[in-house]
Amino acid sequence: SFPGLAGSTYANQYIIGQPTNIVRLYQLLGVNPQTGQYQFTDFNGDGKITTPEDRQVIEDISVKYFGGWTNTLQYKNWDLSFLFQFVKKKARNYIGIMTMPGTMNNQPVQVLDVWSPENPNGTFMPYSTVNTSSHNLLRSSTAAYTDASFIRLKNVQLGYRIPLKSGPFKDVKIYFQGQNLFTWTKFFGVDPESSSLGFLPPLRTYSFGIQFNL
């Protein structure tokens, strides 16, 4: 329970009986062909898109499940080890944090998918010099939160062991190692794990080494 929730500053954030990690969103219907503006569901029918009255779509952005798979394979003097990471979740995508096109910021190529009579399924409304609230509403709509599930090859190492018949070492291992080599995801953003513009995705690194074993 949350006594006085409706009159508090948390009224737009929490709902009784729902997880605390939710967001309340406008429901995007697409681009209105008459106005060229984004169109949203007017849940209370007052002819305006307002909050909290029209932010009625509830999205839980908690991680549903996560895990990993690691294994080591050996054949004669060869060995191969790897680690896969997987996460099932939804998160705020690039639409939710993007700046308005035309404001001297880098933009992804997807912003070229603009609605027009020839492209009726275009994602973004036509760009113009007219200042409207549509872009801000879009950033708080169902378009801004999508599947951020991913599978990532976190680590892989391939090694070859050479036995030594003399000297202080039993053998020497030559290996190649890579980290964050591949990520499989449909997420529209910099990285599905952090899902924010304030973080770089994990660096892809390669290394080569020699290990002497006593």
N, C-alpha and C. Protein backbone atom coordinates (compact mmCIF):
# COMPACT_ATOMS: atom_id res chain seq x y z
N SER A 1 0.83 -1.19 0.00
CA SER A 1 0.00 0.00 0.00
C SER A 1 0.87 1.25 0.00
N PHE A 2 0.28 2.36 -0.42
CA PHE A 2 0.98 3.64 -0.47
C PHE A 2 -0.06 4.72 -0.18
N PRO A 3 -0.31 5.02 1.08
CA PRO A 3 -1.32 6.03 1.41
C PRO A 3 -0.97 7.38 0.78
N GLY A 4 -1.95 7.99 0.13
CA GLY A 4 -1.74 9.30 -0.48
C GLY A 4 -0.96 9.28 -1.76
N LEU A 5 -0.84 8.12 -2.42
CA LEU A 5 -0.04 8.01 -3.64
C LEU A 5 -0.56 8.96 -4.73
N ALA A 6 -1.88 9.03 -4.89
CA ALA A 6 -2.45 9.83 -5.98
C ALA A 6 -2.08 11.30 -5.88
N GLY A 7 -1.87 11.81 -4.68
CA GLY A 7 -1.53 13.22 -4.53
C GLY A 7 -0.06 13.48 -4.30
N SER A 8 0.76 12.45 -4.45
CA SER A 8 2.20 12.59 -4.20
C SER A 8 2.95 12.78 -5.51
N THR A 9 4.25 13.06 -5.38
CA THR A 9 5.10 13.21 -6.57
C THR A 9 5.39 11.88 -7.24
N TYR A 10 5.00 10.77 -6.61
CA TYR A 10 5.22 9.44 -7.18
C TYR A 10 4.01 8.93 -7.95
N ALA A 11 3.00 9.77 -8.11
CA ALA A 11 1.77 9.32 -8.76
C ALA A 11 2.00 8.86 -10.20
N ASN A 12 2.98 9.46 -10.88
CA ASN A 12 3.28 9.07 -12.26
C ASN A 12 4.29 7.94 -12.34
N GLN A 13 4.77 7.47 -11.20
CA GLN A 13 5.84 6.47 -11.20
C GLN A 13 5.38 5.11 -10.69
N TYR A 14 4.54 5.10 -9.67
CA TYR A 14 4.14 3.85 -9.05
C TYR A 14 2.65 3.61 -9.20
N ILE A 15 2.28 2.33 -9.17
CA ILE A 15 0.89 1.90 -9.21
C ILE A 15 0.72 0.80 -8.17
N ILE A 16 -0.32 0.91 -7.36
CA ILE A 16 -0.57 -0.10 -6.34
C ILE A 16 -0.75 -1.46 -7.01
N GLY A 17 -0.02 -2.45 -6.52
CA GLY A 17 -0.12 -3.80 -7.06
C GLY A 17 0.83 -4.09 -8.20
N GLN A 18 1.59 -3.09 -8.66
CA GLN A 18 2.55 -3.27 -9.75
C GLN A 18 3.97 -3.24 -9.20
N PRO A 19 4.94 -3.85 -9.92
CA PRO A 19 6.34 -3.77 -9.49
C PRO A 19 6.81 -2.32 -9.42
N THR A 20 7.82 -2.07 -8.63
CA THR A 20 8.36 -0.71 -8.52
C THR A 20 9.19 -0.31 -9.74
N ASN A 21 9.60 -1.29 -10.52
CA ASN A 21 10.45 -1.01 -11.68
C ASN A 21 9.61 -0.95 -12.95
N ILE A 22 8.61 -0.08 -12.94
CA ILE A 22 7.74 0.08 -14.10
C ILE A 22 7.86 1.49 -14.64
N VAL A 23 7.41 1.66 -15.88
CA VAL A 23 7.29 2.99 -16.47
C VAL A 23 5.88 3.11 -17.04
N ARG A 24 5.33 4.31 -16.95
CA ARG A 24 4.01 4.59 -17.52
C ARG A 24 4.20 5.37 -18.81
N LEU A 25 3.58 4.89 -19.88
CA LEU A 25 3.89 5.40 -21.21
C LEU A 25 2.63 5.82 -21.96
N TYR A 26 2.83 6.75 -22.89
CA TYR A 26 1.80 7.04 -23.88
C TYR A 26 1.81 5.92 -24.91
N GLN A 27 0.65 5.66 -25.50
CA GLN A 27 0.55 4.62 -26.52
C GLN A 27 0.66 5.26 -27.90
N LEU A 28 1.77 4.99 -28.58
CA LEU A 28 1.98 5.55 -29.92
C LEU A 28 1.14 4.79 -30.94
N LEU A 29 0.39 5.53 -31.75
CA LEU A 29 -0.43 4.93 -32.80
C LEU A 29 0.23 5.05 -34.17
N GLY A 30 1.27 5.85 -34.27
CA GLY A 30 1.92 6.07 -35.55
C GLY A 30 1.93 7.54 -35.91
N VAL A 31 2.07 7.83 -37.18
CA VAL A 31 2.08 9.21 -37.67
C VAL A 31 0.73 9.52 -38.30
N ASN A 32 0.12 10.61 -37.88
CA ASN A 32 -1.16 11.03 -38.43
C ASN A 32 -0.95 11.58 -39.84
N PRO A 33 -1.54 10.96 -40.85
CA PRO A 33 -1.29 11.41 -42.23
C PRO A 33 -1.83 12.80 -42.52
N GLN A 34 -2.80 13.29 -41.73
CA GLN A 34 -3.36 14.62 -41.96
C GLN A 34 -2.45 15.72 -41.39
N THR A 35 -1.91 15.47 -40.20
CA THR A 35 -1.11 16.50 -39.52
C THR A 35 0.39 16.29 -39.68
N GLY A 36 0.82 15.06 -40.01
CA GLY A 36 2.25 14.77 -40.06
C GLY A 36 2.89 14.69 -38.70
N GLN A 37 2.08 14.61 -37.64
CA GLN A 37 2.58 14.54 -36.27
C GLN A 37 2.34 13.13 -35.71
N TYR A 38 3.12 12.80 -34.66
CA TYR A 38 2.88 11.54 -33.98
C TYR A 38 1.48 11.55 -33.38
N GLN A 39 0.85 10.40 -33.39
CA GLN A 39 -0.50 10.27 -32.87
C GLN A 39 -0.49 9.29 -31.70
N PHE A 40 -1.14 9.67 -30.61
CA PHE A 40 -1.17 8.85 -29.40
C PHE A 40 -2.62 8.61 -28.96
N THR A 41 -2.82 7.55 -28.20
CA THR A 41 -4.16 7.23 -27.72
C THR A 41 -4.60 8.23 -26.65
N ASP A 42 -5.75 8.82 -26.86
CA ASP A 42 -6.35 9.75 -25.90
C ASP A 42 -7.28 8.93 -25.00
N PHE A 43 -6.73 8.38 -23.93
CA PHE A 43 -7.48 7.42 -23.11
C PHE A 43 -8.69 8.06 -22.44
N ASN A 44 -8.59 9.30 -22.01
CA ASN A 44 -9.73 9.91 -21.32
C ASN A 44 -10.64 10.71 -22.25
N GLY A 45 -10.30 10.75 -23.53
CA GLY A 45 -11.18 11.34 -24.52
C GLY A 45 -11.41 12.83 -24.40
N ASP A 46 -10.45 13.56 -23.85
CA ASP A 46 -10.64 15.01 -23.69
C ASP A 46 -10.06 15.81 -24.85
N GLY A 47 -9.57 15.11 -25.88
CA GLY A 47 -9.02 15.80 -27.04
C GLY A 47 -7.60 16.27 -26.87
N LYS A 48 -6.96 15.96 -25.75
CA LYS A 48 -5.58 16.36 -25.49
C LYS A 48 -4.80 15.15 -24.97
N ILE A 49 -3.48 15.19 -25.17
CA ILE A 49 -2.60 14.16 -24.62
C ILE A 49 -1.94 14.74 -23.39
N THR A 50 -2.33 14.25 -22.23
CA THR A 50 -1.86 14.80 -20.96
C THR A 50 -1.37 13.68 -20.05
N THR A 51 -0.61 14.09 -19.05
CA THR A 51 -0.13 13.15 -18.04
C THR A 51 -0.72 13.53 -16.69
N PRO A 52 -1.11 12.55 -15.88
CA PRO A 52 -0.99 11.09 -16.05
C PRO A 52 -2.16 10.45 -16.76
N GLU A 53 -3.16 11.24 -17.17
CA GLU A 53 -4.41 10.67 -17.69
C GLU A 53 -4.18 9.75 -18.89
N ASP A 54 -3.25 10.12 -19.77
CA ASP A 54 -3.05 9.34 -21.00
C ASP A 54 -1.80 8.48 -20.98
N ARG A 55 -1.09 8.47 -19.87
CA ARG A 55 0.06 7.55 -19.75
C ARG A 55 -0.43 6.28 -19.06
N GLN A 56 -1.14 5.47 -19.83
CA GLN A 56 -1.84 4.32 -19.28
C GLN A 56 -1.20 2.98 -19.63
N VAL A 57 -0.21 2.97 -20.50
CA VAL A 57 0.47 1.72 -20.83
C VAL A 57 1.56 1.47 -19.80
N ILE A 58 1.51 0.30 -19.17
CA ILE A 58 2.45 -0.04 -18.10
C ILE A 58 3.48 -1.01 -18.65
N GLU A 59 4.75 -0.67 -18.52
CA GLU A 59 5.83 -1.54 -18.99
C GLU A 59 6.76 -1.86 -17.82
N ASP A 60 6.94 -3.14 -17.56
CA ASP A 60 7.86 -3.59 -16.51
C ASP A 60 9.24 -3.79 -17.14
N ILE A 61 10.22 -3.02 -16.68
CA ILE A 61 11.56 -3.10 -17.28
C ILE A 61 12.53 -3.88 -16.40
N SER A 62 11.99 -4.70 -15.50
CA SER A 62 12.85 -5.57 -14.70
C SER A 62 13.46 -6.66 -15.58
N VAL A 63 14.61 -7.14 -15.20
CA VAL A 63 15.22 -8.28 -15.89
C VAL A 63 14.38 -9.52 -15.60
N LYS A 64 13.93 -10.20 -16.65
CA LYS A 64 13.09 -11.38 -16.48
C LYS A 64 13.92 -12.58 -16.04
N TYR A 65 15.02 -12.80 -16.71
CA TYR A 65 15.95 -13.84 -16.30
C TYR A 65 17.30 -13.57 -16.96
N PHE A 66 18.33 -14.17 -16.41
CA PHE A 66 19.68 -14.01 -16.96
C PHE A 66 20.48 -15.25 -16.61
N GLY A 67 21.59 -15.42 -17.28
CA GLY A 67 22.43 -16.57 -16.99
C GLY A 67 23.64 -16.61 -17.90
N GLY A 68 24.31 -17.73 -17.88
CA GLY A 68 25.50 -17.89 -18.70
C GLY A 68 25.78 -19.36 -18.97
N TRP A 69 26.63 -19.59 -19.92
CA TRP A 69 27.04 -20.96 -20.27
C TRP A 69 28.54 -20.93 -20.51
N THR A 70 29.24 -21.72 -19.74
CA THR A 70 30.69 -21.81 -19.87
C THR A 70 31.09 -23.26 -20.03
N ASN A 71 32.15 -23.49 -20.77
CA ASN A 71 32.61 -24.86 -21.00
C ASN A 71 34.06 -24.82 -21.46
N THR A 72 34.71 -25.94 -21.30
CA THR A 72 36.09 -26.11 -21.77
C THR A 72 36.18 -27.42 -22.53
N LEU A 73 36.68 -27.35 -23.74
CA LEU A 73 36.85 -28.53 -24.59
C LEU A 73 38.34 -28.79 -24.77
N GLN A 74 38.72 -30.06 -24.70
CA GLN A 74 40.13 -30.42 -24.85
C GLN A 74 40.27 -31.54 -25.87
N TYR A 75 41.29 -31.43 -26.70
CA TYR A 75 41.62 -32.47 -27.66
C TYR A 75 43.13 -32.50 -27.83
N LYS A 76 43.71 -33.59 -27.36
CA LYS A 76 45.16 -33.73 -27.37
C LYS A 76 45.80 -32.52 -26.68
N ASN A 77 46.61 -31.76 -27.38
CA ASN A 77 47.28 -30.61 -26.75
C ASN A 77 46.49 -29.31 -26.91
N TRP A 78 45.33 -29.39 -27.52
CA TRP A 78 44.51 -28.20 -27.74
C TRP A 78 43.46 -28.06 -26.64
N ASP A 79 43.12 -26.84 -26.31
CA ASP A 79 41.98 -26.60 -25.42
C ASP A 79 41.25 -25.33 -25.85
N LEU A 80 39.94 -25.37 -25.70
CA LEU A 80 39.09 -24.25 -26.07
C LEU A 80 38.10 -24.01 -24.94
N SER A 81 38.08 -22.79 -24.42
CA SER A 81 37.13 -22.44 -23.37
C SER A 81 36.34 -21.20 -23.80
N PHE A 82 35.10 -21.10 -23.32
CA PHE A 82 34.26 -19.97 -23.72
C PHE A 82 33.23 -19.69 -22.63
N LEU A 83 32.68 -18.47 -22.69
CA LEU A 83 31.62 -18.04 -21.79
C LEU A 83 30.60 -17.22 -22.57
N PHE A 84 29.36 -17.68 -22.57
CA PHE A 84 28.25 -16.94 -23.16
C PHE A 84 27.40 -16.36 -22.03
N GLN A 85 26.92 -15.13 -22.22
CA GLN A 85 26.02 -14.46 -21.28
C GLN A 85 24.70 -14.20 -21.99
N PHE A 86 23.58 -14.42 -21.29
CA PHE A 86 22.28 -14.11 -21.88
C PHE A 86 21.39 -13.41 -20.86
N VAL A 87 20.58 -12.47 -21.36
CA VAL A 87 19.69 -11.67 -20.52
C VAL A 87 18.38 -11.47 -21.27
N LYS A 88 17.26 -11.63 -20.55
CA LYS A 88 15.94 -11.37 -21.10
C LYS A 88 15.36 -10.16 -20.38
N LYS A 89 15.08 -9.07 -21.11
CA LYS A 89 14.54 -7.87 -20.49
C LYS A 89 14.04 -6.91 -21.56
N LYS A 90 13.35 -5.85 -21.10
CA LYS A 90 13.02 -4.70 -21.93
C LYS A 90 13.74 -3.49 -21.35
N ALA A 91 14.01 -2.51 -22.19
CA ALA A 91 14.72 -1.32 -21.72
C ALA A 91 14.41 -0.14 -22.62
N ARG A 92 14.80 1.03 -22.16
CA ARG A 92 14.62 2.25 -22.95
C ARG A 92 15.61 2.25 -24.10
N ASN A 93 15.11 2.40 -25.30
CA ASN A 93 15.98 2.36 -26.48
C ASN A 93 16.43 3.77 -26.86
N TYR A 94 17.02 3.88 -28.05
CA TYR A 94 17.58 5.16 -28.46
C TYR A 94 16.51 6.23 -28.62
N ILE A 95 15.30 5.84 -29.00
CA ILE A 95 14.23 6.82 -29.16
C ILE A 95 13.96 7.54 -27.85
N GLY A 96 14.08 6.83 -26.73
CA GLY A 96 13.79 7.41 -25.43
C GLY A 96 14.81 8.42 -24.94
N ILE A 97 15.98 8.45 -25.56
CA ILE A 97 17.04 9.34 -25.08
C ILE A 97 17.63 10.20 -26.20
N MET A 98 17.11 10.04 -27.41
CA MET A 98 17.69 10.76 -28.54
C MET A 98 17.34 12.25 -28.48
N THR A 99 18.24 13.06 -29.01
CA THR A 99 17.94 14.48 -29.18
C THR A 99 17.16 14.68 -30.47
N MET A 100 16.49 15.78 -30.57
CA MET A 100 15.68 16.03 -31.75
C MET A 100 16.58 16.23 -32.98
N PRO A 101 16.32 15.52 -34.06
CA PRO A 101 17.11 15.73 -35.27
C PRO A 101 17.12 17.20 -35.68
N GLY A 102 18.29 17.68 -36.12
CA GLY A 102 18.43 19.08 -36.49
C GLY A 102 19.01 19.94 -35.41
N THR A 103 19.38 19.33 -34.27
CA THR A 103 19.94 20.11 -33.16
C THR A 103 21.45 19.92 -33.04
N MET A 104 22.10 19.68 -34.16
CA MET A 104 23.57 19.59 -34.22
C MET A 104 24.10 18.47 -33.33
N ASN A 105 23.47 17.31 -33.42
CA ASN A 105 23.93 16.12 -32.73
C ASN A 105 23.99 14.96 -33.71
N ASN A 106 24.89 14.03 -33.45
CA ASN A 106 24.95 12.84 -34.28
C ASN A 106 23.65 12.04 -34.13
N GLN A 107 23.22 11.44 -35.21
CA GLN A 107 21.99 10.66 -35.21
C GLN A 107 22.25 9.32 -35.89
N PRO A 108 21.52 8.28 -35.48
CA PRO A 108 21.66 6.99 -36.17
C PRO A 108 20.98 7.04 -37.53
N VAL A 109 21.35 6.13 -38.38
CA VAL A 109 20.80 6.12 -39.74
C VAL A 109 19.30 5.85 -39.72
N GLN A 110 18.79 5.27 -38.65
CA GLN A 110 17.36 4.95 -38.58
C GLN A 110 16.46 6.19 -38.67
N VAL A 111 16.99 7.38 -38.31
CA VAL A 111 16.15 8.59 -38.36
C VAL A 111 15.78 8.96 -39.80
N LEU A 112 16.38 8.30 -40.77
CA LEU A 112 16.01 8.54 -42.17
C LEU A 112 14.72 7.83 -42.55
N ASP A 113 14.24 6.94 -41.67
CA ASP A 113 12.99 6.22 -41.93
C ASP A 113 11.81 7.12 -41.58
N VAL A 114 11.57 8.11 -42.42
CA VAL A 114 10.57 9.15 -42.17
C VAL A 114 9.26 8.79 -42.88
N TRP A 115 8.16 9.05 -42.17
CA TRP A 115 6.84 8.80 -42.77
C TRP A 115 6.63 9.71 -43.98
N SER A 116 5.99 9.15 -45.00
CA SER A 116 5.57 9.91 -46.17
C SER A 116 4.49 9.09 -46.86
N PRO A 117 3.73 9.69 -47.77
CA PRO A 117 2.73 8.88 -48.50
C PRO A 117 3.36 7.69 -49.21
N GLU A 118 4.62 7.84 -49.62
CA GLU A 118 5.31 6.74 -50.28
C GLU A 118 5.90 5.75 -49.27
N ASN A 119 6.03 6.18 -48.02
CA ASN A 119 6.57 5.31 -46.96
C ASN A 119 5.62 5.36 -45.76
N PRO A 120 4.41 4.79 -45.91
CA PRO A 120 3.38 4.92 -44.87
C PRO A 120 3.72 4.23 -43.56
N ASN A 121 4.70 3.34 -43.57
CA ASN A 121 5.10 2.65 -42.34
C ASN A 121 6.37 3.25 -41.72
N GLY A 122 6.74 4.44 -42.17
CA GLY A 122 7.93 5.09 -41.61
C GLY A 122 7.79 5.34 -40.12
N THR A 123 8.91 5.23 -39.41
CA THR A 123 8.89 5.34 -37.95
C THR A 123 8.76 6.78 -37.48
N PHE A 124 9.46 7.70 -38.14
CA PHE A 124 9.55 9.08 -37.64
C PHE A 124 8.69 10.02 -38.47
N MET A 125 8.17 11.05 -37.77
CA MET A 125 7.34 12.03 -38.47
C MET A 125 8.22 12.92 -39.34
N PRO A 126 7.65 13.56 -40.36
CA PRO A 126 8.45 14.45 -41.21
C PRO A 126 9.08 15.57 -40.39
N TYR A 127 10.32 15.90 -40.70
CA TYR A 127 11.03 16.94 -39.96
C TYR A 127 10.70 18.31 -40.53
N SER A 128 10.60 19.28 -39.63
CA SER A 128 10.32 20.64 -40.06
C SER A 128 10.85 21.60 -39.00
N THR A 129 10.71 22.89 -39.27
CA THR A 129 11.15 23.91 -38.31
C THR A 129 10.08 24.23 -37.28
N VAL A 130 8.91 23.61 -37.40
CA VAL A 130 7.81 23.86 -36.47
C VAL A 130 8.11 23.18 -35.14
N ASN A 131 7.99 23.92 -34.05
CA ASN A 131 8.25 23.38 -32.72
C ASN A 131 6.96 22.82 -32.13
N THR A 132 6.92 21.50 -31.91
CA THR A 132 5.74 20.86 -31.32
C THR A 132 6.18 19.99 -30.15
N SER A 133 5.19 19.47 -29.44
CA SER A 133 5.48 18.59 -28.30
C SER A 133 5.58 17.14 -28.71
N SER A 134 5.39 16.85 -29.99
CA SER A 134 5.33 15.45 -30.44
C SER A 134 6.59 14.68 -30.12
N HIS A 135 7.75 15.32 -30.29
CA HIS A 135 9.00 14.61 -30.05
C HIS A 135 9.14 14.22 -28.59
N ASN A 136 8.80 15.13 -27.69
CA ASN A 136 8.89 14.82 -26.26
C ASN A 136 7.90 13.73 -25.86
N LEU A 137 6.71 13.75 -26.45
CA LEU A 137 5.74 12.69 -26.18
C LEU A 137 6.25 11.35 -26.69
N LEU A 138 6.91 11.37 -27.85
CA LEU A 138 7.46 10.13 -28.41
C LEU A 138 8.46 9.50 -27.46
N ARG A 139 9.29 10.32 -26.82
CA ARG A 139 10.32 9.81 -25.93
C ARG A 139 9.75 9.18 -24.67
N SER A 140 8.48 9.44 -24.39
CA SER A 140 7.82 8.84 -23.23
C SER A 140 6.70 7.90 -23.66
N SER A 141 6.84 7.33 -24.84
CA SER A 141 5.79 6.48 -25.39
C SER A 141 6.26 5.04 -25.52
N THR A 142 5.35 4.21 -26.01
CA THR A 142 5.66 2.79 -26.21
C THR A 142 6.76 2.58 -27.24
N ALA A 143 7.04 3.58 -28.08
CA ALA A 143 8.12 3.44 -29.05
C ALA A 143 9.48 3.47 -28.39
N ALA A 144 9.56 4.02 -27.18
CA ALA A 144 10.85 4.24 -26.52
C ALA A 144 11.31 3.06 -25.66
N TYR A 145 10.47 2.05 -25.52
CA TYR A 145 10.83 0.88 -24.70
C TYR A 145 10.56 -0.38 -25.50
N THR A 146 11.62 -1.12 -25.76
CA THR A 146 11.51 -2.31 -26.58
C THR A 146 12.36 -3.43 -26.00
N ASP A 147 12.33 -4.55 -26.69
CA ASP A 147 13.08 -5.72 -26.24
C ASP A 147 14.57 -5.42 -26.24
N ALA A 148 15.22 -5.62 -25.09
CA ALA A 148 16.66 -5.41 -24.97
C ALA A 148 17.37 -6.71 -24.60
N SER A 149 16.74 -7.83 -24.91
CA SER A 149 17.37 -9.12 -24.64
C SER A 149 18.61 -9.29 -25.52
N PHE A 150 19.57 -10.03 -25.02
CA PHE A 150 20.78 -10.23 -25.80
C PHE A 150 21.51 -11.50 -25.37
N ILE A 151 22.32 -12.00 -26.28
CA ILE A 151 23.28 -13.07 -26.01
C ILE A 151 24.65 -12.52 -26.39
N ARG A 152 25.61 -12.66 -25.49
CA ARG A 152 26.94 -12.10 -25.75
C ARG A 152 28.01 -13.16 -25.50
N LEU A 153 28.92 -13.27 -26.45
CA LEU A 153 30.10 -14.11 -26.25
C LEU A 153 31.11 -13.28 -25.46
N LYS A 154 31.13 -13.51 -24.15
CA LYS A 154 31.95 -12.69 -23.26
C LYS A 154 33.43 -13.02 -23.36
N ASN A 155 33.74 -14.30 -23.50
CA ASN A 155 35.15 -14.68 -23.47
C ASN A 155 35.35 -15.98 -24.24
N VAL A 156 36.43 -16.05 -24.97
CA VAL A 156 36.82 -17.30 -25.63
C VAL A 156 38.34 -17.37 -25.64
N GLN A 157 38.87 -18.54 -25.37
CA GLN A 157 40.32 -18.73 -25.37
C GLN A 157 40.66 -20.04 -26.06
N LEU A 158 41.60 -19.96 -26.98
CA LEU A 158 42.11 -21.13 -27.68
C LEU A 158 43.59 -21.27 -27.34
N GLY A 159 43.96 -22.44 -26.85
CA GLY A 159 45.34 -22.64 -26.42
C GLY A 159 45.94 -23.93 -26.95
N TYR A 160 47.26 -23.94 -27.04
CA TYR A 160 48.00 -25.14 -27.45
C TYR A 160 49.15 -25.33 -26.47
N ARG A 161 49.23 -26.54 -25.92
CA ARG A 161 50.23 -26.84 -24.90
C ARG A 161 51.37 -27.65 -25.52
N ILE A 162 52.61 -27.16 -25.28
CA ILE A 162 53.81 -27.83 -25.81
C ILE A 162 54.59 -28.43 -24.65
N PRO A 163 54.69 -29.74 -24.57
CA PRO A 163 55.47 -30.36 -23.49
C PRO A 163 56.96 -30.04 -23.64
N LEU A 164 57.63 -29.85 -22.51
CA LEU A 164 59.07 -29.59 -22.49
C LEU A 164 59.77 -30.75 -21.80
N LYS A 165 60.82 -31.25 -22.43
CA LYS A 165 61.53 -32.41 -21.90
C LYS A 165 62.70 -32.02 -21.01
N SER A 166 63.07 -30.77 -21.01
CA SER A 166 64.19 -30.33 -20.17
C SER A 166 63.91 -28.91 -19.68
N GLY A 167 64.67 -28.50 -18.67
CA GLY A 167 64.49 -27.17 -18.11
C GLY A 167 63.56 -27.19 -16.91
N PRO A 168 63.34 -26.03 -16.30
CA PRO A 168 62.54 -25.97 -15.06
C PRO A 168 61.03 -26.05 -15.30
N PHE A 169 60.60 -25.98 -16.55
CA PHE A 169 59.16 -25.95 -16.80
C PHE A 169 58.68 -27.26 -17.40
N LYS A 170 57.47 -27.64 -16.98
CA LYS A 170 56.87 -28.88 -17.48
C LYS A 170 56.37 -28.72 -18.91
N ASP A 171 55.75 -27.59 -19.17
CA ASP A 171 55.25 -27.33 -20.52
C ASP A 171 55.03 -25.82 -20.69
N VAL A 172 54.76 -25.43 -21.91
CA VAL A 172 54.45 -24.04 -22.21
C VAL A 172 53.16 -24.01 -23.01
N LYS A 173 52.30 -23.06 -22.69
CA LYS A 173 51.01 -22.94 -23.37
C LYS A 173 50.97 -21.63 -24.14
N ILE A 174 50.68 -21.74 -25.41
CA ILE A 174 50.48 -20.57 -26.26
C ILE A 174 48.98 -20.40 -26.47
N TYR A 175 48.48 -19.20 -26.23
CA TYR A 175 47.02 -19.03 -26.31
C TYR A 175 46.64 -17.69 -26.95
N PHE A 176 45.45 -17.73 -27.50
CA PHE A 176 44.80 -16.52 -28.03
C PHE A 176 43.49 -16.33 -27.28
N GLN A 177 43.20 -15.09 -26.87
CA GLN A 177 41.99 -14.83 -26.10
C GLN A 177 41.26 -13.61 -26.64
N GLY A 178 39.95 -13.70 -26.70
CA GLY A 178 39.12 -12.57 -27.12
C GLY A 178 38.01 -12.34 -26.12
N GLN A 179 37.63 -11.08 -25.91
CA GLN A 179 36.56 -10.74 -24.99
C GLN A 179 35.52 -9.87 -25.70
N ASN A 180 34.26 -10.12 -25.37
CA ASN A 180 33.14 -9.37 -25.95
C ASN A 180 33.19 -9.38 -27.48
N LEU A 181 33.33 -10.58 -28.03
CA LEU A 181 33.54 -10.70 -29.47
C LEU A 181 32.26 -10.47 -30.27
N PHE A 182 31.14 -11.02 -29.79
CA PHE A 182 29.89 -10.90 -30.55
C PHE A 182 28.73 -10.66 -29.58
N THR A 183 27.76 -9.88 -30.05
CA THR A 183 26.52 -9.67 -29.30
C THR A 183 25.36 -9.83 -30.27
N TRP A 184 24.43 -10.72 -29.93
CA TRP A 184 23.24 -10.93 -30.73
C TRP A 184 22.06 -10.26 -30.03
N THR A 185 21.47 -9.25 -30.68
CA THR A 185 20.37 -8.51 -30.08
C THR A 185 19.61 -7.76 -31.17
N LYS A 186 18.34 -7.44 -30.90
CA LYS A 186 17.54 -6.58 -31.77
C LYS A 186 17.40 -5.18 -31.19
N PHE A 187 18.12 -4.90 -30.13
CA PHE A 187 17.97 -3.64 -29.41
C PHE A 187 18.45 -2.46 -30.26
N PHE A 188 17.67 -1.38 -30.25
CA PHE A 188 18.01 -0.15 -30.96
C PHE A 188 18.66 0.80 -29.96
N GLY A 189 19.98 0.77 -29.91
CA GLY A 189 20.71 1.61 -28.96
C GLY A 189 22.19 1.28 -28.99
N VAL A 190 22.94 1.93 -28.10
CA VAL A 190 24.38 1.74 -28.06
C VAL A 190 24.73 0.34 -27.57
N ASP A 191 24.11 -0.07 -26.46
CA ASP A 191 24.42 -1.38 -25.88
C ASP A 191 23.22 -1.85 -25.07
N PRO A 192 22.75 -3.08 -25.26
CA PRO A 192 21.57 -3.54 -24.53
C PRO A 192 21.81 -3.75 -23.05
N GLU A 193 23.06 -3.94 -22.65
CA GLU A 193 23.33 -4.20 -21.23
C GLU A 193 23.17 -2.93 -20.39
N SER A 194 23.69 -1.81 -20.88
CA SER A 194 23.58 -0.55 -20.13
C SER A 194 22.39 0.28 -20.59
N SER A 195 22.01 0.14 -21.87
CA SER A 195 20.87 0.85 -22.48
C SER A 195 20.84 2.33 -22.13
N SER A 196 21.99 2.98 -22.29
CA SER A 196 22.08 4.41 -21.99
C SER A 196 23.15 5.03 -22.87
N LEU A 197 22.98 6.32 -23.19
CA LEU A 197 24.00 7.03 -23.95
C LEU A 197 25.19 7.41 -23.10
N GLY A 198 25.06 7.29 -21.78
CA GLY A 198 26.14 7.69 -20.89
C GLY A 198 27.21 6.64 -20.71
N PHE A 199 27.07 5.49 -21.38
CA PHE A 199 28.02 4.40 -21.21
C PHE A 199 28.43 3.86 -22.56
N LEU A 200 29.69 3.52 -22.69
CA LEU A 200 30.17 2.84 -23.89
C LEU A 200 29.91 1.34 -23.74
N PRO A 201 29.68 0.64 -24.84
CA PRO A 201 29.55 -0.81 -24.75
C PRO A 201 30.88 -1.43 -24.33
N PRO A 202 30.86 -2.65 -23.79
CA PRO A 202 32.11 -3.30 -23.41
C PRO A 202 33.07 -3.37 -24.59
N LEU A 203 34.32 -3.11 -24.33
CA LEU A 203 35.32 -3.10 -25.40
C LEU A 203 35.57 -4.51 -25.91
N ARG A 204 35.71 -4.62 -27.21
CA ARG A 204 36.13 -5.89 -27.81
C ARG A 204 37.65 -5.92 -27.81
N THR A 205 38.21 -6.90 -27.14
CA THR A 205 39.67 -6.97 -26.99
C THR A 205 40.19 -8.32 -27.45
N TYR A 206 41.42 -8.31 -27.93
CA TYR A 206 42.12 -9.52 -28.34
C TYR A 206 43.48 -9.53 -27.66
N SER A 207 43.90 -10.70 -27.25
CA SER A 207 45.22 -10.81 -26.62
C SER A 207 45.86 -12.14 -26.99
N PHE A 208 47.18 -12.12 -26.96
CA PHE A 208 48.00 -13.30 -27.26
C PHE A 208 49.01 -13.45 -26.14
N GLY A 209 49.19 -14.67 -25.69
CA GLY A 209 50.09 -14.86 -24.56
C GLY A 209 50.79 -16.20 -24.57
N ILE A 210 51.80 -16.28 -23.73
CA ILE A 210 52.56 -17.51 -23.51
C ILE A 210 52.61 -17.77 -22.01
N GLN A 211 52.25 -18.97 -21.63
CA GLN A 211 52.18 -19.33 -20.21
C GLN A 211 53.12 -20.51 -19.94
N PHE A 212 54.05 -20.32 -19.01
CA PHE A 212 54.98 -21.38 -18.63
C PHE A 212 54.47 -22.05 -17.36
N ASN A 213 54.39 -23.36 -17.37
CA ASN A 213 53.86 -24.13 -16.24
C ASN A 213 54.95 -24.99 -15.61
N LEU A 214 55.05 -24.92 -14.28
CA LEU A 214 56.03 -25.72 -13.56
C LEU A 214 55.57 -27.17 -13.46
